């Protein structure tokens, strides 16, 4: 019985993350390739957030599997993407105001 609950929880998690990934990539494509070029910065931010989430989840998974060095590499890459997200947000705020 417990195994079924764990499987169901993992399956739900995969489905929810898949929906989030599709929403981020879909929004990226819509905003990047529309006629208004002002949306390109927002689209770039969405793409960076997509990469951040993927790499952060990979780091957590590697840490759980016991690969400490690989997890540290992934955490470092996600940290650099977090800095990029902050830089994009600051850039967007300064451009719009």
N, C-alpha and C. Protein backbone atom coordinates (compact mmCIF):
# COMPACT_ATOMS: atom_id res chain seq x y z
N UNK A 1 0.83 -1.20 0.00
CA UNK A 1 0.00 0.00 0.00
C UNK A 1 0.87 1.26 0.00
N UNK A 2 1.93 1.26 0.80
CA UNK A 2 2.79 2.43 0.87
C UNK A 2 3.50 2.67 -0.47
N UNK A 3 3.88 1.60 -1.14
CA UNK A 3 4.55 1.74 -2.42
C UNK A 3 3.65 2.41 -3.44
N UNK A 4 2.36 2.09 -3.42
CA UNK A 4 1.43 2.71 -4.34
C UNK A 4 1.29 4.21 -4.08
N UNK A 5 1.29 4.61 -2.81
CA UNK A 5 1.19 6.02 -2.48
C UNK A 5 2.43 6.78 -2.93
N UNK A 6 3.60 6.18 -2.77
CA UNK A 6 4.84 6.82 -3.23
C UNK A 6 4.84 6.96 -4.75
N UNK A 7 4.41 5.91 -5.44
CA UNK A 7 4.35 5.96 -6.90
C UNK A 7 3.37 7.04 -7.36
N UNK A 8 2.22 7.11 -6.71
CA UNK A 8 1.22 8.10 -7.07
C UNK A 8 1.74 9.51 -6.83
N UNK A 9 2.45 9.70 -5.72
CA UNK A 9 3.01 11.02 -5.41
C UNK A 9 4.06 11.42 -6.44
N UNK A 10 4.93 10.48 -6.82
CA UNK A 10 5.94 10.77 -7.84
C UNK A 10 5.30 11.08 -9.18
N UNK A 11 4.27 10.33 -9.53
CA UNK A 11 3.60 10.55 -10.80
C UNK A 11 2.92 11.92 -10.83
N UNK A 12 2.27 12.29 -9.73
CA UNK A 12 1.64 13.61 -9.66
C UNK A 12 2.67 14.72 -9.76
N UNK A 13 3.80 14.53 -9.09
CA UNK A 13 4.86 15.53 -9.15
C UNK A 13 5.38 15.70 -10.58
N UNK A 14 5.56 14.59 -11.28
CA UNK A 14 6.02 14.68 -12.67
C UNK A 14 5.01 15.39 -13.55
N UNK A 15 3.74 15.10 -13.34
CA UNK A 15 2.69 15.73 -14.15
C UNK A 15 2.64 17.24 -13.88
N UNK A 16 2.70 17.63 -12.61
CA UNK A 16 2.65 19.06 -12.26
C UNK A 16 3.87 19.79 -12.83
N UNK A 17 5.05 19.19 -12.67
CA UNK A 17 6.26 19.84 -13.21
C UNK A 17 6.21 19.90 -14.73
N UNK A 18 5.66 18.89 -15.37
CA UNK A 18 5.51 18.92 -16.82
C UNK A 18 4.60 20.05 -17.27
N UNK A 19 3.53 20.28 -16.54
CA UNK A 19 2.61 21.37 -16.86
C UNK A 19 3.31 22.72 -16.67
N UNK A 20 4.09 22.85 -15.61
CA UNK A 20 4.83 24.10 -15.37
C UNK A 20 5.85 24.33 -16.48
N UNK A 21 6.57 23.27 -16.87
CA UNK A 21 7.56 23.40 -17.95
C UNK A 21 6.90 23.81 -19.26
N UNK A 22 5.78 23.18 -19.58
CA UNK A 22 5.07 23.51 -20.82
C UNK A 22 4.58 24.95 -20.79
N UNK A 23 4.09 25.39 -19.63
CA UNK A 23 3.61 26.78 -19.52
C UNK A 23 4.76 27.77 -19.69
N UNK A 24 5.92 27.48 -19.10
CA UNK A 24 7.07 28.39 -19.24
C UNK A 24 7.57 28.45 -20.67
N UNK A 25 7.74 27.28 -21.30
CA UNK A 25 8.24 27.26 -22.67
C UNK A 25 7.21 27.85 -23.64
N UNK A 26 5.93 27.53 -23.42
CA UNK A 26 4.88 28.10 -24.27
C UNK A 26 4.83 29.62 -24.16
N UNK A 27 4.93 30.14 -22.95
CA UNK A 27 4.94 31.59 -22.75
C UNK A 27 6.17 32.21 -23.39
N UNK A 28 7.31 31.53 -23.27
CA UNK A 28 8.53 32.01 -23.90
C UNK A 28 8.35 32.16 -25.40
N UNK A 29 7.82 31.13 -26.03
CA UNK A 29 7.64 31.15 -27.49
C UNK A 29 6.66 32.24 -27.89
N UNK A 30 5.54 32.34 -27.17
CA UNK A 30 4.55 33.36 -27.51
C UNK A 30 5.10 34.78 -27.37
N UNK A 31 5.83 35.03 -26.30
CA UNK A 31 6.34 36.38 -26.06
C UNK A 31 7.53 36.71 -26.96
N UNK A 32 8.36 35.71 -27.24
CA UNK A 32 9.56 35.99 -28.04
C UNK A 32 9.22 36.26 -29.50
N UNK A 33 8.22 35.57 -30.02
CA UNK A 33 7.94 35.66 -31.45
C UNK A 33 6.67 36.43 -31.77
N UNK A 34 6.25 37.33 -30.89
CA UNK A 34 5.12 38.19 -31.22
C UNK A 34 5.63 39.47 -31.89
N UNK A 35 4.73 40.31 -32.30
CA UNK A 35 5.12 41.52 -33.04
C UNK A 35 5.69 42.61 -32.14
N UNK A 36 5.43 42.54 -30.85
CA UNK A 36 5.92 43.54 -29.90
C UNK A 36 7.29 43.12 -29.38
N UNK A 37 8.31 43.84 -29.74
CA UNK A 37 9.66 43.45 -29.32
C UNK A 37 9.96 43.81 -27.86
N UNK A 38 9.07 44.54 -27.22
CA UNK A 38 9.27 44.87 -25.81
C UNK A 38 9.12 43.64 -24.90
N UNK A 39 8.48 42.60 -25.40
CA UNK A 39 8.26 41.40 -24.60
C UNK A 39 9.44 40.44 -24.60
N UNK A 40 10.47 40.73 -25.37
CA UNK A 40 11.61 39.82 -25.48
C UNK A 40 12.35 39.66 -24.16
N UNK A 41 12.43 40.70 -23.36
CA UNK A 41 13.10 40.61 -22.07
C UNK A 41 12.33 39.72 -21.11
N UNK A 42 11.01 39.83 -21.13
CA UNK A 42 10.18 38.96 -20.30
C UNK A 42 10.33 37.51 -20.75
N UNK A 43 10.35 37.28 -22.06
CA UNK A 43 10.51 35.93 -22.59
C UNK A 43 11.86 35.34 -22.19
N UNK A 44 12.90 36.14 -22.24
CA UNK A 44 14.21 35.67 -21.82
C UNK A 44 14.20 35.30 -20.34
N UNK A 45 13.53 36.11 -19.54
CA UNK A 45 13.40 35.81 -18.12
C UNK A 45 12.67 34.50 -17.87
N UNK A 46 11.62 34.24 -18.63
CA UNK A 46 10.90 32.98 -18.49
C UNK A 46 11.77 31.79 -18.85
N UNK A 47 12.58 31.94 -19.89
CA UNK A 47 13.46 30.86 -20.30
C UNK A 47 14.54 30.59 -19.25
N UNK A 48 15.05 31.64 -18.64
CA UNK A 48 16.06 31.48 -17.60
C UNK A 48 15.43 30.83 -16.36
N UNK A 49 14.20 31.19 -16.03
CA UNK A 49 13.50 30.56 -14.91
C UNK A 49 13.29 29.07 -15.19
N UNK A 50 12.95 28.72 -16.42
CA UNK A 50 12.81 27.32 -16.82
C UNK A 50 14.12 26.56 -16.57
N UNK A 51 15.22 27.13 -17.03
CA UNK A 51 16.52 26.48 -16.82
C UNK A 51 16.87 26.38 -15.35
N UNK A 52 16.56 27.42 -14.59
CA UNK A 52 16.84 27.43 -13.15
C UNK A 52 16.10 26.29 -12.45
N UNK A 53 14.82 26.13 -12.76
CA UNK A 53 14.03 25.08 -12.11
C UNK A 53 14.56 23.70 -12.50
N UNK A 54 14.87 23.51 -13.78
CA UNK A 54 15.39 22.20 -14.22
C UNK A 54 16.70 21.86 -13.53
N UNK A 55 17.62 22.81 -13.47
CA UNK A 55 18.92 22.54 -12.87
C UNK A 55 18.80 22.36 -11.36
N UNK A 56 17.96 23.15 -10.72
CA UNK A 56 17.77 23.01 -9.27
C UNK A 56 17.17 21.65 -8.92
N UNK A 57 16.19 21.20 -9.69
CA UNK A 57 15.62 19.87 -9.45
C UNK A 57 16.65 18.78 -9.69
N UNK A 58 17.52 18.98 -10.69
CA UNK A 58 18.60 18.02 -10.92
C UNK A 58 19.57 17.97 -9.76
N UNK A 59 19.87 19.12 -9.19
CA UNK A 59 20.77 19.18 -8.04
C UNK A 59 20.17 18.46 -6.84
N UNK A 60 18.90 18.66 -6.61
CA UNK A 60 18.24 17.99 -5.48
C UNK A 60 18.22 16.48 -5.70
N UNK A 61 17.96 16.07 -6.94
CA UNK A 61 17.94 14.64 -7.25
C UNK A 61 19.33 14.02 -7.07
N UNK A 62 20.37 14.72 -7.56
CA UNK A 62 21.74 14.20 -7.42
C UNK A 62 22.14 14.12 -5.95
N UNK A 63 21.74 15.08 -5.16
CA UNK A 63 22.05 15.07 -3.72
C UNK A 63 21.37 13.88 -3.04
N UNK A 64 20.13 13.60 -3.44
CA UNK A 64 19.41 12.47 -2.86
C UNK A 64 20.05 11.14 -3.24
N UNK A 65 20.64 11.08 -4.43
CA UNK A 65 21.30 9.85 -4.88
C UNK A 65 22.69 9.70 -4.29
N UNK A 66 23.21 10.74 -3.65
CA UNK A 66 24.51 10.65 -3.00
C UNK A 66 25.67 11.18 -3.82
N UNK A 67 25.41 11.77 -4.98
CA UNK A 67 26.46 12.35 -5.81
C UNK A 67 26.71 13.79 -5.37
N UNK A 68 27.55 13.95 -4.35
CA UNK A 68 27.74 15.26 -3.74
C UNK A 68 28.44 16.24 -4.68
N UNK A 69 29.46 15.77 -5.40
CA UNK A 69 30.19 16.68 -6.29
C UNK A 69 29.32 17.17 -7.44
N UNK A 70 28.57 16.27 -8.03
CA UNK A 70 27.69 16.67 -9.12
C UNK A 70 26.57 17.58 -8.61
N UNK A 71 26.07 17.30 -7.43
CA UNK A 71 25.03 18.15 -6.84
C UNK A 71 25.57 19.55 -6.58
N UNK A 72 26.81 19.63 -6.11
CA UNK A 72 27.43 20.93 -5.86
C UNK A 72 27.59 21.71 -7.17
N UNK A 73 27.95 21.02 -8.25
CA UNK A 73 28.06 21.65 -9.56
C UNK A 73 26.70 22.21 -10.00
N UNK A 74 25.67 21.39 -9.84
CA UNK A 74 24.33 21.84 -10.22
C UNK A 74 23.84 23.00 -9.36
N UNK A 75 24.13 22.94 -8.06
CA UNK A 75 23.74 24.06 -7.20
C UNK A 75 24.47 25.34 -7.60
N UNK A 76 25.73 25.21 -7.99
CA UNK A 76 26.48 26.39 -8.46
C UNK A 76 25.89 26.96 -9.73
N UNK A 77 25.52 26.09 -10.66
CA UNK A 77 24.90 26.57 -11.91
C UNK A 77 23.54 27.21 -11.64
N UNK A 78 22.77 26.63 -10.71
CA UNK A 78 21.48 27.24 -10.41
C UNK A 78 21.67 28.58 -9.69
N UNK A 79 22.74 28.71 -8.92
CA UNK A 79 23.03 30.00 -8.28
C UNK A 79 23.37 31.07 -9.30
N UNK A 80 24.13 30.69 -10.33
CA UNK A 80 24.44 31.68 -11.38
C UNK A 80 23.19 32.06 -12.16
N UNK A 81 22.28 31.11 -12.36
CA UNK A 81 21.03 31.45 -13.03
C UNK A 81 20.14 32.32 -12.15
N UNK A 82 20.20 32.11 -10.84
CA UNK A 82 19.44 32.97 -9.92
C UNK A 82 19.95 34.41 -10.01
N UNK A 83 21.25 34.57 -10.12
CA UNK A 83 21.82 35.92 -10.29
C UNK A 83 21.36 36.51 -11.62
N UNK A 84 21.30 35.67 -12.66
CA UNK A 84 20.82 36.15 -13.97
C UNK A 84 19.36 36.57 -13.90
N UNK A 85 18.56 35.85 -13.16
CA UNK A 85 17.14 36.21 -13.00
C UNK A 85 17.02 37.55 -12.30
N UNK A 86 17.81 37.76 -11.26
CA UNK A 86 17.79 39.04 -10.54
C UNK A 86 18.24 40.18 -11.47
N UNK A 87 19.27 39.93 -12.27
CA UNK A 87 19.76 40.95 -13.20
C UNK A 87 18.69 41.28 -14.25
N UNK A 88 18.01 40.27 -14.75
CA UNK A 88 16.94 40.52 -15.72
C UNK A 88 15.80 41.31 -15.09
N UNK A 89 15.46 41.00 -13.85
CA UNK A 89 14.39 41.72 -13.18
C UNK A 89 14.76 43.18 -12.95
N UNK A 90 15.99 43.42 -12.53
CA UNK A 90 16.44 44.80 -12.32
C UNK A 90 16.46 45.55 -13.65
N UNK A 91 16.93 44.89 -14.69
CA UNK A 91 16.96 45.51 -16.01
C UNK A 91 15.55 45.84 -16.48
N UNK A 92 14.60 44.95 -16.27
CA UNK A 92 13.21 45.19 -16.68
C UNK A 92 12.61 46.36 -15.91
N UNK A 93 12.88 46.42 -14.60
CA UNK A 93 12.33 47.50 -13.79
C UNK A 93 12.92 48.85 -14.22
N UNK A 94 14.21 48.90 -14.53
CA UNK A 94 14.81 50.16 -14.92
C UNK A 94 14.35 50.60 -16.31
N UNK A 95 14.07 49.64 -17.19
CA UNK A 95 13.61 50.00 -18.53
C UNK A 95 12.17 50.51 -18.49
N UNK A 96 11.31 49.87 -17.69
CA UNK A 96 9.90 50.25 -17.69
C UNK A 96 9.60 51.51 -16.89
N UNK A 97 10.49 51.87 -15.97
CA UNK A 97 10.16 53.07 -15.17
C UNK A 97 10.82 54.30 -15.71
